[in-house]
Amino acid sequence: MALPKRRQSRARGRKRRTNWKLDAPTITDCSQCHQPKLPHHICSSCGFYGGKLVAAPKE
């Protein structure tokens, strides 16, 4: 099994990790009630998905 000959410096390790960012979730508007929702999810306020009523809306 290969092993590193020398320890990597902190700067080199941190340079490699600079792009470990989280992206903000994409939020779209519901086509029925225009409330924000996640794409490909049932709208929590009206219960519609794909233009059809799928679940009873929460009151």
PDB file of N, CA and C in Angstrom:
ATOM      1  N   MET A   1       0.841  -1.181   0.000  1.00  0.00           N
ATOM      2  CA  MET A   1       0.000   0.000   0.000  1.00  0.00           C
ATOM      3  C   MET A   1       0.887   1.246   0.000  1.00  0.00           C
ATOM      4  N   ALA A   2       0.571   2.195  -0.837  1.00  0.00           N
ATOM      5  CA  ALA A   2       1.385   3.402  -0.946  1.00  0.00           C
ATOM      6  C   ALA A   2       1.138   4.332   0.234  1.00  0.00           C
ATOM      7  N   LEU A   3       2.213   4.932   0.709  1.00  0.00           N
ATOM      8  CA  LEU A   3       2.119   5.901   1.798  1.00  0.00           C
ATOM      9  C   LEU A   3       2.825   7.185   1.379  1.00  0.00           C
ATOM     10  N   PRO A   4       2.338   8.335   1.835  1.00  0.00           N
ATOM     11  CA  PRO A   4       3.014   9.582   1.492  1.00  0.00           C
ATOM     12  C   PRO A   4       4.382   9.658   2.172  1.00  0.00           C
ATOM     13  N   LYS A   5       5.360  10.141   1.432  1.00  0.00           N
ATOM     14  CA  LYS A   5       6.706  10.274   2.012  1.00  0.00           C
ATOM     15  C   LYS A   5       6.782  11.430   2.988  1.00  0.00           C
ATOM     16  N   ARG A   6       6.070  12.516   2.680  1.00  0.00           N
ATOM     17  CA  ARG A   6       6.127  13.689   3.533  1.00  0.00           C
ATOM     18  C   ARG A   6       4.707  14.168   3.852  1.00  0.00           C
ATOM     19  N   ARG A   7       4.600  14.807   4.983  1.00  0.00           N
ATOM     20  CA  ARG A   7       3.318  15.356   5.391  1.00  0.00           C
ATOM     21  C   ARG A   7       2.992  16.572   4.524  1.00  0.00           C
ATOM     22  N   GLN A   8       1.730  16.677   4.115  1.00  0.00           N
ATOM     23  CA  GLN A   8       1.330  17.853   3.338  1.00  0.00           C
ATOM     24  C   GLN A   8       1.132  19.034   4.269  1.00  0.00           C
ATOM     25  N   SER A   9       1.498  20.204   3.788  1.00  0.00           N
ATOM     26  CA  SER A   9       1.368  21.408   4.612  1.00  0.00           C
ATOM     27  C   SER A   9      -0.106  21.784   4.783  1.00  0.00           C
ATOM     28  N   ARG A  10      -0.388  22.600   5.783  1.00  0.00           N
ATOM     29  CA  ARG A  10      -1.756  23.064   6.012  1.00  0.00           C
ATOM     30  C   ARG A  10      -2.274  23.851   4.824  1.00  0.00           C
ATOM     31  N   ALA A  11      -1.407  24.676   4.241  1.00  0.00           N
ATOM     32  CA  ALA A  11      -1.834  25.514   3.113  1.00  0.00           C
ATOM     33  C   ALA A  11      -2.259  24.653   1.926  1.00  0.00           C
ATOM     34  N   ARG A  12      -1.512  23.598   1.660  1.00  0.00           N
ATOM     35  CA  ARG A  12      -1.847  22.740   0.524  1.00  0.00           C
ATOM     36  C   ARG A  12      -3.173  22.004   0.757  1.00  0.00           C
ATOM     37  N   GLY A  13      -3.372  21.533   1.975  1.00  0.00           N
ATOM     38  CA  GLY A  13      -4.635  20.863   2.288  1.00  0.00           C
ATOM     39  C   GLY A  13      -5.810  21.824   2.250  1.00  0.00           C
ATOM     40  N   ARG A  14      -5.624  23.024   2.730  1.00  0.00           N
ATOM     41  CA  ARG A  14      -6.695  24.020   2.729  1.00  0.00           C
ATOM     42  C   ARG A  14      -7.008  24.498   1.322  1.00  0.00           C
ATOM     43  N   LYS A  15      -5.991  24.581   0.459  1.00  0.00           N
ATOM     44  CA  LYS A  15      -6.243  24.950  -0.937  1.00  0.00           C
ATOM     45  C   LYS A  15      -7.150  23.927  -1.608  1.00  0.00           C
ATOM     46  N   ARG A  16      -6.940  22.674  -1.284  1.00  0.00           N
ATOM     47  CA  ARG A  16      -7.740  21.616  -1.883  1.00  0.00           C
ATOM     48  C   ARG A  16      -9.199  21.676  -1.395  1.00  0.00           C
ATOM     49  N   ARG A  17      -9.389  22.133  -0.174  1.00  0.00           N
ATOM     50  CA  ARG A  17     -10.728  22.153   0.408  1.00  0.00           C
ATOM     51  C   ARG A  17     -11.483  23.462   0.197  1.00  0.00           C
ATOM     52  N   THR A  18     -10.952  24.401  -0.571  1.00  0.00           N
ATOM     53  CA  THR A  18     -11.619  25.695  -0.708  1.00  0.00           C
ATOM     54  C   THR A  18     -12.958  25.585  -1.411  1.00  0.00           C
ATOM     55  N   ASN A  19     -13.182  24.553  -2.202  1.00  0.00           N
ATOM     56  CA  ASN A  19     -14.429  24.436  -2.954  1.00  0.00           C
ATOM     57  C   ASN A  19     -15.445  23.520  -2.295  1.00  0.00           C
ATOM     58  N   TRP A  20     -15.256  23.186  -1.036  1.00  0.00           N
ATOM     59  CA  TRP A  20     -16.215  22.353  -0.319  1.00  0.00           C
ATOM     60  C   TRP A  20     -17.364  23.214   0.195  1.00  0.00           C
ATOM     61  N   LYS A  21     -18.114  23.823  -0.686  1.00  0.00           N
ATOM     62  CA  LYS A  21     -19.191  24.719  -0.269  1.00  0.00           C
ATOM     63  C   LYS A  21     -20.524  24.022  -0.421  1.00  0.00           C
ATOM     64  N   LEU A  22     -21.463  24.418   0.388  1.00  0.00           N
ATOM     65  CA  LEU A  22     -22.840  23.962   0.224  1.00  0.00           C
ATOM     66  C   LEU A  22     -23.570  24.956  -0.658  1.00  0.00           C
ATOM     67  N   ASP A  23     -24.413  24.447  -1.533  1.00  0.00           N
ATOM     68  CA  ASP A  23     -25.230  25.312  -2.368  1.00  0.00           C
ATOM     69  C   ASP A  23     -26.581  25.532  -1.698  1.00  0.00           C
ATOM     70  N   ALA A  24     -27.113  26.714  -1.847  1.00  0.00           N
ATOM     71  CA  ALA A  24     -28.448  26.985  -1.320  1.00  0.00           C
ATOM     72  C   ALA A  24     -29.467  26.196  -2.138  1.00  0.00           C
ATOM     73  N   PRO A  25     -30.500  25.637  -1.503  1.00  0.00           N
ATOM     74  CA  PRO A  25     -31.480  24.858  -2.262  1.00  0.00           C
ATOM     75  C   PRO A  25     -32.250  25.741  -3.235  1.00  0.00           C
ATOM     76  N   THR A  26     -32.556  25.176  -4.386  1.00  0.00           N
ATOM     77  CA  THR A  26     -33.329  25.893  -5.395  1.00  0.00           C
ATOM     78  C   THR A  26     -34.784  25.963  -4.938  1.00  0.00           C
ATOM     79  N   ILE A  27     -35.327  27.145  -4.916  1.00  0.00           N
ATOM     80  CA  ILE A  27     -36.715  27.328  -4.492  1.00  0.00           C
ATOM     81  C   ILE A  27     -37.501  27.900  -5.663  1.00  0.00           C
ATOM     82  N   THR A  28     -38.618  27.265  -5.982  1.00  0.00           N
ATOM     83  CA  THR A  28     -39.476  27.718  -7.067  1.00  0.00           C
ATOM     84  C   THR A  28     -40.821  28.130  -6.491  1.00  0.00           C
ATOM     85  N   ASP A  29     -41.632  28.768  -7.314  1.00  0.00           N
ATOM     86  CA  ASP A  29     -42.974  29.159  -6.889  1.00  0.00           C
ATOM     87  C   ASP A  29     -43.976  28.100  -7.333  1.00  0.00           C
ATOM     88  N   CYS A  30     -44.944  27.827  -6.492  1.00  0.00           N
ATOM     89  CA  CYS A  30     -46.018  26.903  -6.832  1.00  0.00           C
ATOM     90  C   CYS A  30     -46.862  27.535  -7.944  1.00  0.00           C
ATOM     91  N   SER A  31     -47.237  26.720  -8.920  1.00  0.00           N
ATOM     92  CA  SER A  31     -48.009  27.252 -10.047  1.00  0.00           C
ATOM     93  C   SER A  31     -49.450  27.574  -9.660  1.00  0.00           C
ATOM     94  N   GLN A  32     -49.945  27.007  -8.556  1.00  0.00           N
ATOM     95  CA  GLN A  32     -51.323  27.239  -8.132  1.00  0.00           C
ATOM     96  C   GLN A  32     -51.432  28.422  -7.168  1.00  0.00           C
ATOM     97  N   CYS A  33     -50.663  28.365  -6.079  1.00  0.00           N
ATOM     98  CA  CYS A  33     -50.818  29.374  -5.024  1.00  0.00           C
ATOM     99  C   CYS A  33     -49.647  30.358  -4.966  1.00  0.00           C
ATOM    100  N   HIS A  34     -48.608  30.138  -5.755  1.00  0.00           N
ATOM    101  CA  HIS A  34     -47.443  31.022  -5.857  1.00  0.00           C
ATOM    102  C   HIS A  34     -46.678  31.157  -4.544  1.00  0.00           C
ATOM    103  N   GLN A  35     -46.725  30.121  -3.706  1.00  0.00           N
ATOM    104  CA  GLN A  35     -45.924  30.076  -2.486  1.00  0.00           C
ATOM    105  C   GLN A  35     -44.600  29.393  -2.812  1.00  0.00           C
ATOM    106  N   PRO A  36     -43.514  29.725  -2.126  1.00  0.00           N
ATOM    107  CA  PRO A  36     -42.237  29.064  -2.404  1.00  0.00           C
ATOM    108  C   PRO A  36     -42.274  27.594  -2.015  1.00  0.00           C
ATOM    109  N   LYS A  37     -41.661  26.747  -2.859  1.00  0.00           N
ATOM    110  CA  LYS A  37     -41.592  25.312  -2.587  1.00  0.00           C
ATOM    111  C   LYS A  37     -40.354  24.741  -3.262  1.00  0.00           C
ATOM    112  N   LEU A  38     -39.943  23.560  -2.849  1.00  0.00           N
ATOM    113  CA  LEU A  38     -38.827  22.871  -3.483  1.00  0.00           C
ATOM    114  C   LEU A  38     -39.303  22.235  -4.777  1.00  0.00           C
ATOM    115  N   PRO A  39     -38.467  22.208  -5.817  1.00  0.00           N
ATOM    116  CA  PRO A  39     -38.887  21.575  -7.060  1.00  0.00           C
ATOM    117  C   PRO A  39     -39.068  20.068  -6.872  1.00  0.00           C
ATOM    118  N   HIS A  40     -40.014  19.485  -7.603  1.00  0.00           N
ATOM    119  CA  HIS A  40     -40.329  18.054  -7.559  1.00  0.00           C
ATOM    120  C   HIS A  40     -40.848  17.628  -6.189  1.00  0.00           C
ATOM    121  N   HIS A  41     -41.506  18.532  -5.482  1.00  0.00           N
ATOM    122  CA  HIS A  41     -42.131  18.230  -4.196  1.00  0.00           C
ATOM    123  C   HIS A  41     -43.569  18.740  -4.229  1.00  0.00           C
ATOM    124  N   ILE A  42     -44.410  18.138  -3.415  1.00  0.00           N
ATOM    125  CA  ILE A  42     -45.788  18.608  -3.278  1.00  0.00           C
ATOM    126  C   ILE A  42     -45.761  19.940  -2.549  1.00  0.00           C
ATOM    127  N   CYS A  43     -46.572  20.884  -2.984  1.00  0.00           N
ATOM    128  CA  CYS A  43     -46.663  22.175  -2.314  1.00  0.00           C
ATOM    129  C   CYS A  43     -47.297  21.960  -0.940  1.00  0.00           C
ATOM    130  N   SER A  44     -46.644  22.457   0.092  1.00  0.00           N
ATOM    131  CA  SER A  44     -47.147  22.229   1.452  1.00  0.00           C
ATOM    132  C   SER A  44     -48.347  23.103   1.786  1.00  0.00           C
ATOM    133  N   SER A  45     -48.546  24.190   1.046  1.00  0.00           N
ATOM    134  CA  SER A  45     -49.657  25.078   1.396  1.00  0.00           C
ATOM    135  C   SER A  45     -50.952  24.709   0.664  1.00  0.00           C
ATOM    136  N   CYS A  46     -50.847  24.225  -0.589  1.00  0.00           N
ATOM    137  CA  CYS A  46     -52.086  23.920  -1.316  1.00  0.00           C
ATOM    138  C   CYS A  46     -52.230  22.438  -1.669  1.00  0.00           C
ATOM    139  N   GLY A  47     -51.154  21.656  -1.615  1.00  0.00           N
ATOM    140  CA  GLY A  47     -51.241  20.221  -1.869  1.00  0.00           C
ATOM    141  C   GLY A  47     -51.203  19.836  -3.338  1.00  0.00           C
ATOM    142  N   PHE A  48     -50.827  20.754  -4.222  1.00  0.00           N
ATOM    143  CA  PHE A  48     -50.787  20.452  -5.651  1.00  0.00           C
ATOM    144  C   PHE A  48     -49.389  19.994  -6.053  1.00  0.00           C
ATOM    145  N   TYR A  49     -49.346  19.118  -7.048  1.00  0.00           N
ATOM    146  CA  TYR A  49     -48.086  18.698  -7.660  1.00  0.00           C
ATOM    147  C   TYR A  49     -48.364  18.441  -9.137  1.00  0.00           C
ATOM    148  N   GLY A  50     -47.669  19.141  -9.995  1.00  0.00           N
ATOM    149  CA  GLY A  50     -47.857  18.958 -11.432  1.00  0.00           C
ATOM    150  C   GLY A  50     -49.228  19.388 -11.910  1.00  0.00           C
ATOM    151  N   GLY A  51     -49.834  20.369 -11.271  1.00  0.00           N
ATOM    152  CA  GLY A  51     -51.141  20.867 -11.678  1.00  0.00           C
ATOM    153  C   GLY A  51     -52.309  20.030 -11.190  1.00  0.00           C
ATOM    154  N   LYS A  52     -52.041  19.014 -10.377  1.00  0.00           N
ATOM    155  CA  LYS A  52     -53.118  18.147  -9.861  1.00  0.00           C
ATOM    156  C   LYS A  52     -53.086  18.154  -8.340  1.00  0.00           C
ATOM    157  N   LEU A  53     -54.258  18.058  -7.734  1.00  0.00           N
ATOM    158  CA  LEU A  53     -54.355  17.989  -6.285  1.00  0.00           C
ATOM    159  C   LEU A  53     -53.953  16.584  -5.854  1.00  0.00           C
ATOM    160  N   VAL A  54     -52.889  16.478  -5.072  1.00  0.00           N
ATOM    161  CA  VAL A  54     -52.345  15.191  -4.677  1.00  0.00           C
ATOM    162  C   VAL A  54     -52.635  14.912  -3.203  1.00  0.00           C
ATOM    163  N   ALA A  55     -52.524  15.913  -2.373  1.00  0.00           N
ATOM    164  CA  ALA A  55     -52.731  15.753  -0.932  1.00  0.00           C
ATOM    165  C   ALA A  55     -53.646  16.883  -0.455  1.00  0.00           C
ATOM    166  N   ALA A  56     -54.347  16.604   0.610  1.00  0.00           N
ATOM    167  CA  ALA A  56     -55.207  17.621   1.186  1.00  0.00           C
ATOM    168  C   ALA A  56     -54.343  18.750   1.751  1.00  0.00           C
ATOM    169  N   PRO A  57     -54.698  20.009   1.489  1.00  0.00           N
ATOM    170  CA  PRO A  57     -53.869  21.120   1.987  1.00  0.00           C
ATOM    171  C   PRO A  57     -53.907  21.214   3.511  1.00  0.00           C
ATOM    172  N   LYS A  58     -52.788  21.636   4.069  1.00  0.00           N
ATOM    173  CA  LYS A  58     -52.733  21.844   5.522  1.00  0.00           C
ATOM    174  C   LYS A  58     -53.428  23.165   5.859  1.00  0.00           C
ATOM    175  N   GLU A  59     -54.148  23.153   6.935  1.00  0.00           N
ATOM    176  CA  GLU A  59     -54.873  24.373   7.337  1.00  0.00           C
ATOM    177  C   GLU A  59     -54.228  25.025   8.533  1.00  0.00           C
TER     178      GLU A  59
END
